[in-house]
C-alpha atoms as a PDB file:
ATOM      1  CA  MET A   1      38.129 -18.542  39.930  1.00  0.00           C
ATOM      2  CA  ALA A   2      35.330 -20.662  38.492  1.00  0.00           C
ATOM      3  CA  THR A   3      35.628 -22.083  34.992  1.00  0.00           C
ATOM      4  CA  ALA A   4      32.897 -23.506  32.621  1.00  0.00           C
ATOM      5  CA  PRO A   5      33.222 -27.200  31.966  1.00  0.00           C
ATOM      6  CA  ARG A   6      34.809 -28.040  28.607  1.00  0.00           C
ATOM      7  CA  ARG A   7      32.523 -29.541  25.998  1.00  0.00           C
ATOM      8  CA  LEU A   8      33.932 -32.201  23.935  1.00  0.00           C
ATOM      9  CA  ALA A   9      33.483 -32.241  20.276  1.00  0.00           C
ATOM     10  CA  ARG A  10      30.965 -34.910  19.340  1.00  0.00           C
ATOM     11  CA  THR A  11      30.909 -36.959  16.138  1.00  0.00           C
ATOM     12  CA  ILE A  12      28.009 -36.300  13.916  1.00  0.00           C
ATOM     13  CA  ASP A  13      26.805 -39.532  12.237  1.00  0.00           C
ATOM     14  CA  TYR A  14      25.320 -38.880   8.833  1.00  0.00           C
ATOM     15  CA  PRO A  15      22.911 -41.318   7.211  1.00  0.00           C
ATOM     16  CA  THR A  16      24.254 -43.573   4.452  1.00  0.00           C
ATOM     17  CA  GLY A  17      22.219 -45.108   1.645  1.00  0.00           C
ATOM     18  CA  ASP A  18      22.528 -45.654  -2.000  1.00  0.00           C
ATOM     19  CA  GLY A  19      24.844 -42.760  -2.644  1.00  0.00           C
ATOM     20  CA  LYS A  20      22.213 -40.544  -3.967  1.00  0.00           C
ATOM     21  CA  PRO A  21      21.241 -37.270  -2.136  1.00  0.00           C
ATOM     22  CA  MET A  22      18.500 -37.907   0.442  1.00  0.00           C
ATOM     23  CA  ALA A  23      14.960 -37.717  -0.983  1.00  0.00           C
ATOM     24  CA  GLU A  24      16.097 -38.065  -4.520  1.00  0.00           C
ATOM     25  CA  THR A  25      14.881 -41.406  -5.556  1.00  0.00           C
ATOM     26  CA  ASP A  26      13.773 -42.374  -9.035  1.00  0.00           C
ATOM     27  CA  VAL A  27      10.258 -41.865  -7.880  1.00  0.00           C
ATOM     28  CA  HIS A  28      10.834 -38.369  -6.555  1.00  0.00           C
ATOM     29  CA  ARG A  29      12.804 -37.380  -9.750  1.00  0.00           C
ATOM     30  CA  ASP A  30       9.973 -38.666 -11.989  1.00  0.00           C
ATOM     31  CA  ASP A  31       7.485 -36.773  -9.910  1.00  0.00           C
ATOM     32  CA  MET A  32       9.468 -33.604 -10.172  1.00  0.00           C
ATOM     33  CA  MET A  33       9.856 -33.966 -13.957  1.00  0.00           C
ATOM     34  CA  ASP A  34       6.138 -34.506 -14.295  1.00  0.00           C
ATOM     35  CA  LEU A  35       5.561 -31.343 -12.497  1.00  0.00           C
ATOM     36  CA  ILE A  36       8.106 -29.381 -14.483  1.00  0.00           C
ATOM     37  CA  GLN A  37       6.733 -30.493 -17.729  1.00  0.00           C
ATOM     38  CA  ILE A  38       3.021 -29.216 -16.950  1.00  0.00           C
ATOM     39  CA  PRO A  39       2.534 -26.737 -19.621  1.00  0.00           C
ATOM     40  CA  ILE A  40       1.187 -23.347 -18.592  1.00  0.00           C
ATOM     41  CA  GLU A  41      -1.449 -22.002 -20.827  1.00  0.00           C
ATOM     42  CA  PRO A  42      -1.110 -18.325 -21.739  1.00  0.00           C
ATOM     43  CA  VAL A  43      -3.878 -15.924 -20.602  1.00  0.00           C
ATOM     44  CA  ALA A  44      -4.111 -12.786 -22.702  1.00  0.00           C
ATOM     45  CA  GLY A  45      -0.623 -13.500 -24.016  1.00  0.00           C
ATOM     46  CA  ARG A  46       0.930 -13.805 -20.533  1.00  0.00           C
ATOM     47  CA  LEU A  47       1.953 -16.790 -18.381  1.00  0.00           C
ATOM     48  CA  PRO A  48      -0.079 -16.885 -15.178  1.00  0.00           C
ATOM     49  CA  SER A  49       1.384 -18.034 -11.848  1.00  0.00           C
ATOM     50  CA  GLN A  50      -1.225 -19.357  -9.492  1.00  0.00           C
ATOM     51  CA  ILE A  51       1.192 -19.004  -6.473  1.00  0.00           C
ATOM     52  CA  LEU A  52       2.131 -15.361  -7.011  1.00  0.00           C
ATOM     53  CA  GLY A  53      -1.066 -14.185  -8.445  1.00  0.00           C
ATOM     54  CA  LEU A  54       0.942 -12.448 -11.227  1.00  0.00           C
ATOM     55  CA  HIS A  55       1.605 -13.096 -14.862  1.00  0.00           C
ATOM     56  CA  LEU A  56       4.834 -13.163 -16.624  1.00  0.00           C
ATOM     57  CA  GLU A  57       4.962 -11.274 -19.934  1.00  0.00           C
ATOM     58  CA  ARG A  58       7.396 -10.572 -22.684  1.00  0.00           C
ATOM     59  CA  ASP A  59       8.605  -6.930 -23.160  1.00  0.00           C
ATOM     60  CA  GLY A  60      11.111  -6.931 -26.034  1.00  0.00           C
ATOM     61  CA  LYS A  61      13.902  -8.969 -24.684  1.00  0.00           C
ATOM     62  CA  GLU A  62      12.852  -8.786 -21.057  1.00  0.00           C
ATOM     63  CA  LEU A  63      10.385 -10.819 -19.058  1.00  0.00           C
ATOM     64  CA  ARG A  64       8.190  -8.596 -16.773  1.00  0.00           C
ATOM     65  CA  LEU A  65       5.696  -9.282 -14.183  1.00  0.00           C
ATOM     66  CA  TYR A  66       2.133  -8.156 -14.711  1.00  0.00           C
ATOM     67  CA  ASN A  67      -0.390  -7.677 -11.876  1.00  0.00           C
ATOM     68  CA  PRO A  68      -3.977  -8.621 -13.348  1.00  0.00           C
ATOM     69  CA  ALA A  69      -5.634  -7.248 -10.167  1.00  0.00           C
ATOM     70  CA  THR A  70      -4.262  -3.687 -11.080  1.00  0.00           C
ATOM     71  CA  GLY A  71      -3.835  -4.048 -14.778  1.00  0.00           C
ATOM     72  CA  SER A  72      -0.161  -2.913 -14.518  1.00  0.00           C
ATOM     73  CA  ARG A  73       3.299  -4.150 -14.581  1.00  0.00           C
ATOM     74  CA  LEU A  74       5.551  -4.333 -11.485  1.00  0.00           C
ATOM     75  CA  LEU A  75       8.072  -1.614 -11.586  1.00  0.00           C
ATOM     76  CA  LYS A  76      11.696  -2.557 -11.910  1.00  0.00           C
ATOM     77  CA  ARG A  77      14.087  -0.987  -9.244  1.00  0.00           C
ATOM     78  CA  ASP A  78      15.155   1.908 -11.518  1.00  0.00           C
ATOM     79  CA  GLU A  79      11.505   2.536 -12.351  1.00  0.00           C
ATOM     80  CA  GLN A  80      10.612   2.551  -8.728  1.00  0.00           C
ATOM     81  CA  ARG A  81      13.343   5.111  -7.997  1.00  0.00           C
ATOM     82  CA  ASP A  82      12.078   7.317 -10.838  1.00  0.00           C
ATOM     83  CA  GLU A  83       8.427   6.989  -9.731  1.00  0.00           C
ATOM     84  CA  ALA A  84       9.431   7.953  -6.112  1.00  0.00           C
ATOM     85  CA  LYS A  85      11.380  10.827  -7.325  1.00  0.00           C
ATOM     86  CA  ARG A  86       8.459  11.871  -9.541  1.00  0.00           C
ATOM     87  CA  ARG A  87       5.999  11.598  -6.551  1.00  0.00           C
ATOM     88  CA  ALA A  88       8.419  13.569  -4.299  1.00  0.00           C
ATOM     89  CA  MET A  89       8.545  16.410  -6.794  1.00  0.00           C
ATOM     90  CA  ALA A  90       4.728  16.434  -7.327  1.00  0.00           C
ATOM     91  CA  ALA A  91       4.301  16.477  -3.441  1.00  0.00           C
ATOM     92  CA  GLU A  92       6.798  19.376  -3.135  1.00  0.00           C
ATOM     93  CA  THR A  93       5.065  21.345  -5.836  1.00  0.00           C
ATOM     94  CA  ALA A  94       1.633  20.836  -4.286  1.00  0.00           C
ATOM     95  CA  GLN A  95       3.100  21.875  -0.829  1.00  0.00           C
ATOM     96  CA  GLN A  96       4.532  24.995  -2.404  1.00  0.00           C
ATOM     97  CA  ARG A  97       1.209  25.646  -4.200  1.00  0.00           C
ATOM     98  CA  LEU A  98      -0.752  25.232  -0.848  1.00  0.00           C
ATOM     99  CA  GLY A  99       1.758  27.404   0.850  1.00  0.00           C
ATOM    100  CA  ASP A 100       1.331  30.224  -1.677  1.00  0.00           C
ATOM    101  CA  GLU A 101      -2.536  29.870  -1.535  1.00  0.00           C
ATOM    102  CA  ASN A 102      -2.320  29.957   2.379  1.00  0.00           C
ATOM    103  CA  GLU A 103      -0.314  33.144   2.168  1.00  0.00           C
ATOM    104  CA  GLN A 104      -2.624  34.835  -0.251  1.00  0.00           C
ATOM    105  CA  LEU A 105      -5.664  33.919   1.805  1.00  0.00           C
ATOM    106  CA  ARG A 106      -3.848  35.448   5.126  1.00  0.00           C
ATOM    107  CA  LYS A 107      -3.343  38.578   2.977  1.00  0.00           C
ATOM    108  CA  GLU A 108      -7.057  38.791   2.008  1.00  0.00           C
ATOM    109  CA  ILE A 109      -8.008  38.176   5.700  1.00  0.00           C
ATOM    110  CA  GLU A 110      -5.746  40.965   6.884  1.00  0.00           C
ATOM    111  CA  ALA A 111      -7.203  43.287   4.143  1.00  0.00           C
ATOM    112  CA  LEU A 112     -10.765  42.370   5.035  1.00  0.00           C
ATOM    113  CA  LYS A 113      -9.972  43.083   8.753  1.00  0.00           C
ATOM    114  CA  ARG A 114      -8.470  46.490   7.887  1.00  0.00           C
ATOM    115  CA  GLY A 115     -11.445  47.424   5.926  1.00  0.00           C
ATOM    116  CA  MET A 116     -13.962  46.529   8.648  1.00  0.00           C
ATOM    117  CA  ASP A 117     -11.938  48.361  11.305  1.00  0.00           C
ATOM    118  CA  PRO A 118     -13.633  51.568  12.420  1.00  0.00           C
ATOM    119  CA  GLN A 119     -10.398  53.546  12.716  1.00  0.00           C
END
């Protein structure tokens, strides 16, 4: 019976330094603080995000995301669920209406065929 060779656990050497986490020097910290403190100028009462392309707006005690391209807010999960239910019900109603209309047209066609029949 062949066996795989055993691997020996090797020791990992972590870098050591000044005791601060890596890449967190006074210069890095100062740069981060400068970036964090850049004021965001409101646009139409909303705070724009250049990265997301969305705006943050206040809605009572909540913050909501607003899409300036569509002119509408992004829906929360419960709103998405409610919207999906509403669309499903609308689609079902439209499908039923089309089925009823189709049945009515079939009846009219049959009536016309009987009326044209020379019997």
